[in-house]
Amino acid sequence: MSPSPSSPSPPSPSAVPRLVVAAPSSGSGKTTVATGLMAALAARGLSVSPHKVGPDYIDPGYHALATGRAGRNLDAYLCGPELVAPLFLHGARGCDIAVVEGVMGLYDGAAGEGELASTAHVAKLLRAPVVLVVDASSQSRSVAALVHGFASWDPEVRVAGVILNKVGSNRHEELLREALDSSGVPVFGVLRRVPQVDTPSRHLGLVPVAERRAQAVEAVDAMAAQVAAGCDLDALVALARGAGALADTAWEAPVHAVGERPVVAVAGGPAFTFSYAEHSELLTAAGAEVVTFDPLRDERLPEGTRGLVIGGGFPEVYAAELSANEPLRRAVAGLALSGAPVAAECAGLLYLCRELDGQPMCGVLDATARMSERLTLGYRNAVAVSDSVLAPAGTRMRGHEFHRTVVEPGAGAAAAWGVRAPHKRVEGFVQQGVHASYLHTHWAAEPGVARRFVERCRTS
């Protein structure tokens, strides 16, 4: 391999070199390959734009560590297919190359919705070549049948090559390459069966970067070294550069900055790591001054806070520490009692309850939260039941649930959302300026949410 792929003149905004890293199924190694590829290309001096298919919040944190840029999600269910390419171009603006990590198996999408929100669907929307990561640990010649099946299933999806993962020996590699010679699908890399890179998991997936930054840096470095040693980076860059231009234009957060710029405090730190980069961009464009704070360590809300956004994360892991920060709990309760806008999703909902696993929380909501054995997971069609700081009643939005906790009761006197599946129910709480719910939503799908929230901050 040459020491570095030559960098061409900057591509036009619609012609960003790009490729999608996919797999036949979860557990094949696509996160290791995608993150390692991002880091290896960044180490060669390329500006790499990182993306993740679907609603996953954790993998983009590792992508950001690998590239130095915000990891961004591409979700055709939450945002609609029409926004996938514009959001991609927005995130990739000014970059030399973009790497998109898929979700689940290549053709697995939203349940009962065909290809919608699958990696294959997003690859087609981006007109991007797909590199298939195959766990070859328990097969030899059969790998050709597997790759042939994935490459021929949908002629609109271009499976341009494979990376063979967990290969046991030189002889094993020879057998795999020999089998794939007749498939017409090139091999871009071979990764040996080695001890897993240190990326520990727990009840909702990988442990986020914010909770283990030093170890995460080491893990990403190890992924980069593994990919750089085992893959043909020059060939992968050349593949990405052949993707061509997109007809779409880059998404822009609609600017609506009139009057004062109210401070909107956004929870961050290890306990609240789940957020989409576009949310802060939308709030800023709507005229807010966005300030991040850490509920584990900060005893006061940012100076001049007029509104509060508390996204998802792992408060159940930090319940004792969150509870011990009594000054901040009182400040949050006082802000909510004043009628100021408060938007809380999932982890934020738990933080606003009276208690979480027996630990006192903010007490804004007359509800308790606890861990459970059951995983609640899936896309949701929702309609706003009550007028709130986010949306008027009747507003339809799509969301995603992902938690192992239970809140009792599940809805307040004024509920946040009505949800049809997996069973018909109402959930969440709307009271004064508070909107709290389990549902994760992507505000780019409905930019009026951020504008309405900031307007309420100005007038509350």
Protein backbone atom coordinates (compact mmCIF):
# COMPACT_ATOMS: atom_id res chain seq x y z
CA MET A 1 0.00 0.00 0.00
CA SER A 2 1.11 3.56 -0.59
CA PRO A 3 1.70 5.58 2.58
CA SER A 4 -1.30 7.82 2.02
CA PRO A 5 -4.14 8.14 -0.48
CA SER A 6 -3.65 11.38 -2.34
CA SER A 7 -6.21 14.00 -1.45
CA PRO A 8 -7.99 15.53 -4.46
CA SER A 9 -9.29 19.05 -4.60
CA PRO A 10 -12.27 19.43 -2.25
CA PRO A 11 -15.33 17.62 -3.65
CA SER A 12 -18.47 19.55 -4.50
CA PRO A 13 -20.98 19.55 -1.62
CA SER A 14 -23.19 16.99 -3.40
CA ALA A 15 -20.34 14.71 -4.49
CA VAL A 16 -18.85 13.72 -1.15
CA PRO A 17 -16.93 10.43 -1.51
CA ARG A 18 -18.82 7.87 0.58
CA LEU A 19 -19.31 4.24 1.39
CA VAL A 20 -21.54 2.21 3.68
CA VAL A 21 -20.18 -0.44 6.05
CA ALA A 22 -22.84 -3.14 6.46
CA ALA A 23 -23.09 -6.77 7.57
CA PRO A 24 -25.32 -9.81 7.13
CA SER A 25 -26.33 -9.59 10.81
CA SER A 26 -25.57 -7.88 14.09
CA GLY A 27 -22.43 -9.14 15.77
CA SER A 28 -20.43 -9.47 12.54
CA GLY A 29 -18.00 -6.70 13.49
CA LYS A 30 -19.27 -3.72 11.50
CA THR A 31 -18.85 -1.27 14.41
CA THR A 32 -15.21 -2.28 14.81
CA VAL A 33 -14.60 -2.02 11.07
CA ALA A 34 -16.51 1.23 10.55
CA THR A 35 -14.96 2.98 13.56
CA GLY A 36 -11.51 1.62 12.76
CA LEU A 37 -11.83 2.71 9.13
CA MET A 38 -12.89 6.22 10.17
CA ALA A 39 -9.91 6.51 12.52
CA ALA A 40 -7.44 5.01 10.05
CA LEU A 41 -8.51 7.42 7.30
CA ALA A 42 -8.39 10.37 9.72
CA ALA A 43 -4.86 9.33 10.71
CA ARG A 44 -3.90 9.63 7.02
CA GLY A 45 -4.94 13.27 7.05
CA LEU A 46 -8.41 12.93 5.53
CA SER A 47 -11.34 14.84 6.97
CA VAL A 48 -13.83 12.05 7.67
CA SER A 49 -17.56 12.55 8.14
CA PRO A 50 -19.04 9.85 10.41
CA HIS A 51 -22.63 8.61 10.13
CA LYS A 52 -24.77 5.86 11.65
CA VAL A 53 -27.92 4.34 10.17
CA GLY A 54 -30.83 4.25 12.61
CA PRO A 55 -31.54 5.74 16.04
CA ASP A 56 -28.40 4.49 17.84
CA TYR A 57 -26.86 7.16 20.09
CA ILE A 58 -23.81 5.23 21.36
CA ASP A 59 -21.90 4.24 18.21
CA PRO A 60 -21.80 7.89 17.00
CA GLY A 61 -19.85 8.75 20.17
CA TYR A 62 -17.11 6.34 19.10
CA HIS A 63 -17.31 7.70 15.56
CA ALA A 64 -16.81 11.24 16.88
CA LEU A 65 -13.77 10.08 18.84
CA ALA A 66 -12.36 8.47 15.68
CA THR A 67 -12.83 11.52 13.45
CA GLY A 68 -12.99 14.63 15.62
CA ARG A 69 -16.39 15.48 14.14
CA ALA A 70 -19.92 15.04 15.48
CA GLY A 71 -21.31 11.59 14.79
CA ARG A 72 -24.64 11.93 12.99
CA ASN A 73 -27.59 9.59 12.48
CA LEU A 74 -29.39 8.84 9.23
CA ASP A 75 -32.85 7.50 10.06
CA ALA A 76 -35.37 7.12 7.25
CA TYR A 77 -38.13 6.24 9.73
CA LEU A 78 -37.73 9.12 12.19
CA CYS A 79 -36.93 11.78 9.59
CA GLY A 80 -38.48 10.38 6.43
CA PRO A 81 -36.58 9.11 3.37
CA GLU A 82 -36.60 12.58 1.82
CA LEU A 83 -34.35 13.98 4.57
CA VAL A 84 -31.68 11.26 4.57
CA ALA A 85 -29.52 12.68 1.76
CA PRO A 86 -29.92 16.34 2.86
CA LEU A 87 -28.95 15.46 6.46
CA PHE A 88 -26.01 13.43 5.14
CA LEU A 89 -24.79 16.36 3.02
CA HIS A 90 -25.21 18.72 5.97
CA GLY A 91 -23.02 16.54 8.18
CA ALA A 92 -20.46 15.84 5.46
CA ARG A 93 -20.04 19.44 4.36
CA GLY A 94 -16.34 20.21 3.80
CA CYS A 95 -15.17 16.61 4.30
CA ASP A 96 -12.91 14.50 2.11
CA ILE A 97 -14.82 11.27 2.68
CA ALA A 98 -17.83 9.93 4.57
CA VAL A 99 -18.19 6.53 6.23
CA VAL A 100 -21.69 5.32 7.09
CA GLU A 101 -22.07 2.47 9.59
CA GLY A 102 -25.15 0.36 9.01
CA VAL A 103 -27.60 -1.09 11.52
CA MET A 104 -28.43 -4.77 12.16
CA GLY A 105 -28.30 -6.86 8.96
CA LEU A 106 -28.08 -5.08 5.60
CA TYR A 107 -31.75 -5.61 4.72
CA ASP A 108 -33.26 -5.36 8.23
CA GLY A 109 -35.54 -2.34 8.59
CA ALA A 110 -38.44 -1.10 10.67
CA ALA A 111 -40.65 -4.03 11.69
CA GLY A 112 -43.50 -4.57 9.23
CA GLU A 113 -42.32 -1.70 6.99
CA GLY A 114 -40.35 -3.57 4.32
CA GLU A 115 -37.01 -1.96 3.55
CA LEU A 116 -37.84 1.32 5.36
CA ALA A 117 -34.94 2.53 7.53
CA SER A 118 -32.73 -0.46 6.68
CA THR A 119 -29.08 -0.02 5.80
CA ALA A 120 -29.92 -1.05 2.24
CA HIS A 121 -32.60 1.64 2.05
CA VAL A 122 -30.21 4.34 3.25
CA ALA A 123 -27.48 3.13 0.88
CA LYS A 124 -29.89 3.49 -2.03
CA LEU A 125 -30.97 6.97 -0.89
CA LEU A 126 -27.29 7.98 -0.74
CA ARG A 127 -26.35 6.13 -3.95
CA ALA A 128 -23.44 4.75 -1.95
CA PRO A 129 -21.49 1.52 -2.45
CA VAL A 130 -21.74 -1.06 0.33
CA VAL A 131 -18.85 -2.95 1.89
CA LEU A 132 -20.10 -6.10 3.60
CA VAL A 133 -18.36 -7.19 6.82
CA VAL A 134 -18.66 -10.98 7.05
CA ASP A 135 -17.96 -13.03 10.17
CA ALA A 136 -16.05 -15.86 8.53
CA SER A 137 -15.17 -17.68 11.74
CA SER A 138 -17.28 -20.78 11.08
CA GLN A 139 -17.28 -21.09 7.30
CA SER A 140 -15.09 -21.39 4.25
CA ARG A 141 -16.64 -22.03 0.81
CA SER A 142 -20.11 -21.15 2.06
CA VAL A 143 -18.99 -17.53 2.32
CA ALA A 144 -19.40 -17.23 -1.44
CA ALA A 145 -23.05 -18.30 -1.29
CA LEU A 146 -23.72 -15.86 1.54
CA VAL A 147 -22.08 -12.93 -0.28
CA HIS A 148 -23.76 -13.85 -3.57
CA GLY A 149 -27.15 -13.84 -1.83
CA PHE A 150 -26.66 -10.42 -0.30
CA ALA A 151 -25.18 -8.95 -3.48
CA SER A 152 -28.00 -10.19 -5.70
CA TRP A 153 -31.02 -9.75 -3.39
CA ASP A 154 -31.71 -6.17 -4.46
CA PRO A 155 -30.12 -5.04 -7.75
CA GLU A 156 -30.40 -1.39 -6.62
CA VAL A 157 -28.02 -2.07 -3.72
CA ARG A 158 -24.40 -2.17 -4.87
CA VAL A 159 -22.46 -4.58 -2.67
CA ALA A 160 -19.06 -3.52 -3.95
CA GLY A 161 -16.82 -5.66 -1.78
CA VAL A 162 -16.35 -7.57 1.44
CA ILE A 163 -14.15 -7.42 4.51
CA LEU A 164 -13.65 -10.84 6.04
CA ASN A 165 -13.65 -10.73 9.84
CA LYS A 166 -12.48 -13.27 12.44
CA VAL A 167 -10.34 -15.22 9.97
CA GLY A 168 -8.43 -17.97 11.79
CA SER A 169 -5.27 -18.60 9.75
CA ASN A 170 -3.49 -18.14 6.43
CA ARG A 171 -5.04 -21.38 5.18
CA HIS A 172 -8.50 -20.20 6.23
CA GLU A 173 -7.92 -16.97 4.33
CA GLU A 174 -6.85 -18.87 1.22
CA LEU A 175 -10.03 -20.97 1.28
CA LEU A 176 -12.22 -17.88 1.70
CA ARG A 177 -10.53 -15.93 -1.10
CA GLU A 178 -10.67 -18.95 -3.41
CA ALA A 179 -14.41 -19.28 -2.80
CA LEU A 180 -15.02 -15.57 -3.38
CA ASP A 181 -13.01 -15.46 -6.61
CA SER A 182 -16.02 -16.79 -8.50
CA SER A 183 -18.49 -14.38 -6.89
CA GLY A 184 -17.23 -11.27 -8.63
CA VAL A 185 -17.20 -9.41 -5.32
CA PRO A 186 -13.69 -8.25 -4.35
CA VAL A 187 -12.14 -8.68 -0.92
CA PHE A 188 -11.10 -5.32 0.55
CA GLY A 189 -9.67 -6.68 3.74
CA VAL A 190 -9.07 -9.61 6.06
CA LEU A 191 -9.12 -9.22 9.84
CA ARG A 192 -7.71 -12.00 11.95
CA ARG A 193 -9.51 -13.67 14.84
CA VAL A 194 -8.02 -11.72 17.74
CA PRO A 195 -9.17 -10.87 21.27
CA GLN A 196 -12.04 -8.41 21.15
CA VAL A 197 -11.15 -4.73 21.28
CA ASP A 198 -12.10 -3.44 24.73
CA THR A 199 -15.59 -2.04 24.13
CA PRO A 200 -17.65 -3.25 27.10
CA SER A 201 -21.44 -3.51 26.88
CA ARG A 202 -24.33 -3.43 29.32
CA HIS A 203 -28.14 -3.45 29.22
CA LEU A 204 -28.56 -1.03 26.26
CA GLY A 205 -25.40 -1.74 24.26
CA LEU A 206 -21.86 -0.36 24.37
CA VAL A 207 -20.82 1.81 27.30
CA PRO A 208 -20.80 5.41 25.96
CA VAL A 209 -17.54 7.25 25.32
CA ALA A 210 -18.37 9.91 27.93
CA GLU A 211 -18.22 7.27 30.67
CA ARG A 212 -14.84 5.80 29.72
CA ARG A 213 -13.02 8.30 27.57
CA ALA A 214 -9.43 7.18 28.21
CA GLN A 215 -10.28 3.51 27.58
CA ALA A 216 -12.40 4.47 24.56
CA VAL A 217 -9.46 6.31 23.00
CA GLU A 218 -7.35 3.18 23.41
CA ALA A 219 -10.13 1.03 21.91
CA VAL A 220 -10.52 3.29 18.87
CA ASP A 221 -6.75 3.33 18.35
CA ALA A 222 -6.76 -0.48 18.43
CA MET A 223 -9.61 -0.63 15.91
CA ALA A 224 -7.73 1.77 13.62
CA ALA A 225 -4.55 -0.30 13.80
CA GLN A 226 -6.47 -3.51 13.08
CA VAL A 227 -8.23 -2.03 10.03
CA ALA A 228 -5.12 -0.28 8.70
CA ALA A 229 -3.14 -3.52 8.90
CA GLY A 230 -5.80 -5.76 7.40
CA CYS A 231 -7.62 -3.63 4.82
CA ASP A 232 -6.69 -1.98 1.52
CA LEU A 233 -7.37 1.63 2.47
CA ASP A 234 -6.42 2.93 -0.97
CA ALA A 235 -8.99 0.67 -2.63
CA LEU A 236 -11.68 1.69 -0.13
CA VAL A 237 -10.97 5.39 -0.72
CA ALA A 238 -11.10 4.83 -4.49
CA LEU A 239 -14.43 3.04 -4.09
CA ALA A 240 -15.85 5.93 -2.08
CA ARG A 241 -14.63 8.49 -4.62
CA GLY A 242 -16.59 6.73 -7.34
CA ALA A 243 -19.94 7.28 -5.65
CA GLY A 244 -20.85 10.32 -7.76
CA ALA A 245 -22.97 13.35 -6.98
CA LEU A 246 -26.34 13.48 -5.25
CA ALA A 247 -29.20 15.54 -6.64
CA ASP A 248 -30.14 16.76 -3.16
CA THR A 249 -29.04 19.91 -1.36
CA ALA A 250 -27.71 20.00 2.18
CA TRP A 251 -30.18 20.41 5.04
CA GLU A 252 -30.07 23.71 6.91
CA ALA A 253 -31.60 24.45 10.29
CA PRO A 254 -34.26 27.10 9.56
CA VAL A 255 -33.20 30.43 11.06
CA HIS A 256 -35.82 32.15 13.18
CA ALA A 257 -33.69 34.34 15.47
CA VAL A 258 -35.89 37.26 16.47
CA GLY A 259 -35.65 39.19 19.73
CA GLU A 260 -33.59 38.14 22.72
CA ARG A 261 -31.50 34.96 22.79
CA PRO A 262 -32.79 32.98 25.78
CA VAL A 263 -30.40 30.53 27.42
CA VAL A 264 -31.45 26.91 26.88
CA ALA A 265 -29.61 24.52 29.19
CA VAL A 266 -28.94 21.07 27.67
CA ALA A 267 -28.04 18.19 30.00
CA GLY A 268 -24.82 16.36 29.16
CA GLY A 269 -22.07 14.46 30.93
CA PRO A 270 -21.86 10.71 31.53
CA ALA A 271 -25.50 10.29 32.66
CA PHE A 272 -27.09 12.07 29.66
CA THR A 273 -25.23 11.13 26.49
CA PHE A 274 -28.11 10.55 24.05
CA SER A 275 -28.73 13.48 21.73
CA TYR A 276 -28.82 14.32 18.05
CA ALA A 277 -26.43 17.08 16.94
CA GLU A 278 -29.20 18.69 14.91
CA HIS A 279 -31.25 19.44 18.05
CA SER A 280 -28.74 21.97 19.36
CA GLU A 281 -28.32 23.36 15.83
CA LEU A 282 -32.09 23.82 15.54
CA LEU A 283 -32.31 25.51 18.93
CA THR A 284 -29.47 27.86 18.00
CA ALA A 285 -31.05 28.69 14.63
CA ALA A 286 -34.34 29.39 16.41
CA GLY A 287 -32.56 32.02 18.47
CA ALA A 288 -31.45 30.24 21.63
CA GLU A 289 -28.08 30.37 23.35
CA VAL A 290 -27.41 26.67 23.99
CA VAL A 291 -25.33 25.91 27.10
CA THR A 292 -24.43 22.36 28.15
CA PHE A 293 -24.23 21.36 31.81
CA ASP A 294 -23.53 18.13 33.71
CA PRO A 295 -26.19 17.09 36.26
CA LEU A 296 -23.64 14.86 38.00
CA ARG A 297 -21.28 17.73 38.81
CA ASP A 298 -22.90 21.13 38.33
CA GLU A 299 -24.85 22.33 41.36
CA ARG A 300 -26.55 25.15 39.45
CA LEU A 301 -28.20 25.53 36.08
CA PRO A 302 -26.31 27.78 33.64
CA GLU A 303 -26.68 31.48 34.40
CA GLY A 304 -29.89 32.92 32.99
CA THR A 305 -31.48 29.57 32.05
CA ARG A 306 -34.93 30.08 30.51
CA GLY A 307 -35.49 26.57 29.17
CA LEU A 308 -34.18 23.06 29.83
CA VAL A 309 -33.61 20.05 27.55
CA ILE A 310 -32.78 16.69 29.17
CA GLY A 311 -32.22 13.93 26.63
CA GLY A 312 -31.54 10.23 26.97
CA GLY A 313 -28.78 8.33 28.68
CA PHE A 314 -28.18 6.20 31.73
CA PRO A 315 -29.48 7.91 34.90
CA GLU A 316 -30.18 4.46 36.34
CA VAL A 317 -26.42 3.84 36.43
CA TYR A 318 -25.83 7.14 38.22
CA ALA A 319 -28.96 7.33 40.36
CA ALA A 320 -27.07 7.73 43.64
CA GLU A 321 -24.82 10.49 42.28
CA LEU A 322 -27.72 12.35 40.64
CA SER A 323 -29.67 12.12 43.87
CA ALA A 324 -26.72 13.39 45.91
CA ASN A 325 -26.62 16.59 43.82
CA GLU A 326 -29.52 18.06 45.77
CA PRO A 327 -28.83 21.71 44.87
CA LEU A 328 -29.27 20.98 41.16
CA ARG A 329 -32.38 18.85 41.76
CA ARG A 330 -33.92 21.80 43.59
CA ALA A 331 -32.93 24.17 40.78
CA VAL A 332 -34.53 21.93 38.15
CA ALA A 333 -37.71 21.60 40.21
CA GLY A 334 -37.83 25.36 40.71
CA LEU A 335 -37.41 26.06 37.01
CA ALA A 336 -40.20 23.62 36.15
CA LEU A 337 -42.48 25.07 38.84
CA SER A 338 -41.95 28.54 37.36
CA GLY A 339 -43.56 27.35 34.12
CA ALA A 340 -40.35 27.52 32.06
CA PRO A 341 -40.17 25.11 29.10
CA VAL A 342 -38.66 21.73 29.97
CA ALA A 343 -38.30 18.97 27.36
CA ALA A 344 -37.31 15.57 28.75
CA GLU A 345 -36.83 12.34 26.78
CA CYS A 346 -36.43 8.91 28.38
CA ALA A 347 -33.53 9.50 30.80
CA GLY A 348 -34.83 13.03 31.29
CA LEU A 349 -38.24 11.60 32.16
CA LEU A 350 -36.65 9.42 34.86
CA TYR A 351 -34.71 12.38 36.27
CA LEU A 352 -37.90 14.42 36.66
CA CYS A 353 -39.69 11.68 38.63
CA ARG A 354 -40.00 11.61 42.43
CA GLU A 355 -37.52 8.78 42.63
CA LEU A 356 -35.51 6.33 40.53
CA ASP A 357 -34.82 2.91 42.05
CA GLY A 358 -35.56 4.35 45.49
CA GLN A 359 -33.23 7.36 45.05
CA PRO A 360 -34.84 10.82 45.25
CA MET A 361 -34.86 12.67 41.93
CA CYS A 362 -36.22 16.11 41.02
CA GLY A 363 -39.84 15.48 42.02
CA VAL A 364 -41.25 17.47 39.12
CA LEU A 365 -43.52 14.56 38.14
CA ASP A 366 -45.72 12.64 40.56
CA ALA A 367 -44.30 9.33 39.38
CA THR A 368 -41.67 6.77 40.30
CA ALA A 369 -39.20 4.96 38.06
CA ARG A 370 -37.42 1.64 38.43
CA MET A 371 -35.30 -0.78 36.46
CA SER A 372 -37.05 -3.82 34.98
CA GLU A 373 -36.04 -7.05 33.24
CA ARG A 374 -37.99 -6.24 30.09
CA LEU A 375 -36.45 -4.38 27.18
CA THR A 376 -38.81 -1.93 25.47
CA LEU A 377 -37.53 -1.31 21.97
CA GLY A 378 -38.96 -0.15 18.67
CA TYR A 379 -40.13 2.60 16.37
CA ARG A 380 -43.41 4.33 17.21
CA ASN A 381 -46.03 6.37 15.36
CA ALA A 382 -47.24 9.01 17.80
CA VAL A 383 -49.68 11.88 17.99
CA ALA A 384 -49.50 14.73 20.50
CA VAL A 385 -52.39 14.30 22.94
CA SER A 386 -52.01 17.66 24.70
CA ASP A 387 -50.84 21.13 23.73
CA SER A 388 -47.27 21.48 24.97
CA VAL A 389 -44.10 23.54 24.65
CA LEU A 390 -43.05 21.20 21.82
CA ALA A 391 -46.17 20.81 19.71
CA PRO A 392 -49.89 21.55 19.57
CA ALA A 393 -52.30 18.67 20.16
CA GLY A 394 -52.79 16.60 17.03
CA THR A 395 -49.21 16.93 15.81
CA ARG A 396 -48.00 13.62 14.37
CA MET A 397 -44.40 12.55 14.89
CA ARG A 398 -42.41 9.39 14.68
CA GLY A 399 -40.25 8.27 17.57
CA HIS A 400 -38.22 5.46 19.05
CA GLU A 401 -38.28 3.74 22.44
CA PHE A 402 -35.24 2.04 23.96
CA HIS A 403 -35.21 1.38 27.71
CA ARG A 404 -35.28 -1.20 30.50
CA THR A 405 -37.09 0.97 33.00
CA VAL A 406 -40.72 1.44 34.01
CA VAL A 407 -42.39 4.67 35.12
CA GLU A 408 -45.55 4.43 37.25
CA PRO A 409 -47.95 5.85 36.33
CA GLY A 410 -47.01 5.78 32.65
CA ALA A 411 -48.92 8.97 31.85
CA GLY A 412 -50.09 12.08 33.62
CA ALA A 413 -53.52 13.70 33.69
CA ALA A 414 -52.42 15.39 30.46
CA ALA A 415 -50.46 12.80 28.46
CA ALA A 416 -47.69 13.64 26.01
CA TRP A 417 -48.28 11.14 23.22
CA GLY A 418 -50.82 8.67 21.95
CA VAL A 419 -49.08 5.61 20.52
CA ARG A 420 -50.77 2.93 18.37
CA ALA A 421 -48.23 0.10 18.44
CA PRO A 422 -47.24 -2.36 19.78
CA HIS A 423 -50.52 -1.60 21.60
CA LYS A 424 -52.75 1.44 21.79
CA ARG A 425 -51.86 3.65 24.77
CA VAL A 426 -51.06 7.12 25.97
CA GLU A 427 -47.77 7.90 27.62
CA GLY A 428 -45.74 10.76 29.06
CA PHE A 429 -46.56 13.93 30.95
CA VAL A 430 -47.50 17.48 30.01
CA GLN A 431 -47.83 19.91 32.91
CA GLN A 432 -47.20 23.65 32.87
CA GLY A 433 -44.10 23.99 30.66
CA VAL A 434 -42.96 20.38 31.06
CA HIS A 435 -43.06 17.79 28.28
CA ALA A 436 -41.66 14.45 29.50
CA SER A 437 -41.85 11.15 27.64
CA TYR A 438 -40.05 7.91 26.87
CA LEU A 439 -40.20 8.71 23.17
CA HIS A 440 -36.99 9.80 21.41
CA THR A 441 -37.79 12.06 18.46
CA HIS A 442 -35.68 13.71 15.79
CA TRP A 443 -36.56 17.39 15.59
CA ALA A 444 -35.24 17.79 12.04
CA ALA A 445 -38.40 15.98 10.95
CA GLU A 446 -40.49 18.78 12.48
CA PRO A 447 -38.39 21.97 12.81
CA GLY A 448 -41.37 23.76 14.36
CA VAL A 449 -40.62 21.90 17.61
CA ALA A 450 -37.41 23.85 18.27
CA ARG A 451 -38.94 27.15 17.18
CA ARG A 452 -41.97 26.68 19.43
CA PHE A 453 -39.76 25.70 22.37
CA VAL A 454 -37.51 28.77 22.00
CA GLU A 455 -40.50 31.10 21.58
CA ARG A 456 -41.91 29.76 24.86
CA CYS A 457 -38.53 30.38 26.49
CA ARG A 458 -38.75 34.02 25.46
CA THR A 459 -42.24 34.50 26.89
CA SER A 460 -42.17 32.31 30.02
